[in-house]
C-alpha atoms as a PDB file:
ATOM      1  CA  MET A   1      -0.079   0.067   0.427  1.00  0.00           C
ATOM      2  CA  ASN A   2       2.631   2.437   0.983  1.00  0.00           C
ATOM      3  CA  LEU A   3       4.515   1.993  -2.755  1.00  0.00           C
ATOM      4  CA  ILE A   4       1.138   2.466  -4.762  1.00  0.00           C
ATOM      5  CA  ARG A   5       0.866   5.825  -1.947  1.00  0.00           C
ATOM      6  CA  ARG A   6       4.443   6.751  -3.468  1.00  0.00           C
ATOM      7  CA  MET A   7       3.844   6.184  -7.164  1.00  0.00           C
ATOM      8  CA  THR A   8       0.617   8.157  -6.619  1.00  0.00           C
ATOM      9  CA  MET A   9       2.382  11.137  -4.838  1.00  0.00           C
ATOM     10  CA  GLY A  10       5.029  10.811  -7.228  1.00  0.00           C
ATOM     11  CA  VAL A  11       2.665  10.882 -10.281  1.00  0.00           C
ATOM     12  CA  LEU A  12       0.985  14.202  -8.909  1.00  0.00           C
ATOM     13  CA  SER A  13       3.790  16.263  -7.291  1.00  0.00           C
ATOM     14  CA  GLY A  14       5.567  16.819  -9.685  1.00  0.00           C
ATOM     15  CA  ASN A  15       9.448  16.032  -8.768  1.00  0.00           C
ATOM     16  CA  PRO A  16      10.683  14.028 -12.167  1.00  0.00           C
ATOM     17  CA  LYS A  17      12.843  11.964 -10.067  1.00  0.00           C
ATOM     18  CA  ASP A  18       9.707  10.806  -8.304  1.00  0.00           C
ATOM     19  CA  GLN A  19       7.804   9.634 -11.018  1.00  0.00           C
ATOM     20  CA  PRO A  20       7.814   6.484 -12.427  1.00  0.00           C
ATOM     21  CA  MET A  21       9.023   5.352 -16.114  1.00  0.00           C
ATOM     22  CA  HIS A  22       6.827   6.400 -19.043  1.00  0.00           C
ATOM     23  CA  TYR A  23       5.251   3.010 -20.839  1.00  0.00           C
ATOM     24  CA  GLY A  24       7.292   5.138 -23.655  1.00  0.00           C
ATOM     25  CA  GLU A  25      10.755   5.372 -22.098  1.00  0.00           C
ATOM     26  CA  VAL A  26      10.389   2.141 -20.736  1.00  0.00           C
ATOM     27  CA  PHE A  27       9.687   0.548 -24.534  1.00  0.00           C
ATOM     28  CA  GLY A  28      12.372   2.736 -25.904  1.00  0.00           C
ATOM     29  CA  LEU A  29      15.058   1.594 -23.127  1.00  0.00           C
ATOM     30  CA  TRP A  30      13.523  -2.596 -23.450  1.00  0.00           C
ATOM     31  CA  SER A  31      14.260  -1.913 -27.564  1.00  0.00           C
ATOM     32  CA  PHE A  32      17.698  -0.427 -27.174  1.00  0.00           C
ATOM     33  CA  LEU A  33      18.846  -3.453 -24.668  1.00  0.00           C
ATOM     34  CA  LEU A  34      17.474  -6.230 -27.354  1.00  0.00           C
ATOM     35  CA  ALA A  35      19.537  -3.914 -30.064  1.00  0.00           C
ATOM     36  CA  ALA A  36      22.259  -4.648 -28.111  1.00  0.00           C
ATOM     37  CA  LYS A  37      22.493  -7.604 -26.698  1.00  0.00           C
ATOM     38  CA  GLY A  38      21.423  -8.904 -30.574  1.00  0.00           C
ATOM     39  CA  SER A  39      24.345  -7.075 -32.009  1.00  0.00           C
ATOM     40  CA  ILE A  40      26.709  -8.670 -29.135  1.00  0.00           C
ATOM     41  CA  ALA A  41      25.654 -12.422 -30.231  1.00  0.00           C
ATOM     42  CA  GLY A  42      26.207 -11.111 -34.422  1.00  0.00           C
ATOM     43  CA  PHE A  43      29.670  -9.823 -33.570  1.00  0.00           C
ATOM     44  CA  GLN A  44      30.387 -12.997 -31.723  1.00  0.00           C
ATOM     45  CA  THR A  45      29.460 -14.654 -34.454  1.00  0.00           C
ATOM     46  CA  ASN A  46      31.628 -12.826 -36.504  1.00  0.00           C
ATOM     47  CA  PHE A  47      34.443 -13.207 -34.077  1.00  0.00           C
ATOM     48  CA  ASN A  48      34.227 -17.133 -34.174  1.00  0.00           C
ATOM     49  CA  HIS A  49      34.526 -17.118 -38.173  1.00  0.00           C
ATOM     50  CA  ALA A  50      37.090 -14.170 -38.682  1.00  0.00           C
ATOM     51  CA  GLY A  51      40.443 -15.482 -39.212  1.00  0.00           C
ATOM     52  CA  ASP A  52      42.109 -11.979 -39.371  1.00  0.00           C
ATOM     53  CA  ALA A  53      43.998 -11.604 -35.745  1.00  0.00           C
ATOM     54  CA  ASP A  54      43.327  -7.726 -36.712  1.00  0.00           C
ATOM     55  CA  LEU A  55      39.768  -8.541 -37.374  1.00  0.00           C
ATOM     56  CA  LYS A  56      39.494  -9.719 -34.176  1.00  0.00           C
ATOM     57  CA  LYS A  57      40.903  -7.145 -32.148  1.00  0.00           C
ATOM     58  CA  LEU A  58      38.347  -4.765 -33.865  1.00  0.00           C
ATOM     59  CA  ILE A  59      35.878  -7.141 -33.366  1.00  0.00           C
ATOM     60  CA  GLU A  60      36.393  -7.316 -29.685  1.00  0.00           C
ATOM     61  CA  GLU A  61      36.720  -3.755 -28.940  1.00  0.00           C
ATOM     62  CA  ALA A  62      33.097  -3.546 -30.375  1.00  0.00           C
ATOM     63  CA  ILE A  63      32.007  -6.177 -28.322  1.00  0.00           C
ATOM     64  CA  GLN A  64      33.911  -4.447 -25.349  1.00  0.00           C
ATOM     65  CA  ALA A  65      32.075  -1.116 -26.366  1.00  0.00           C
ATOM     66  CA  LEU A  66      28.984  -2.256 -25.379  1.00  0.00           C
END
């Protein structure tokens, strides 16, 4: 009950730090995370098939950047 009261008061108080995330913000965050994890999986596949040491180093740096 206290959690519901805090969330309701956060929405009505006007303080953005106390307000829950908007569903659009949540959707955007989940979409970004899904794309990032997909990119990592693709980079790992490319890393496993790469034969050049320099290329492997570049792919590994790209994975670490995400």
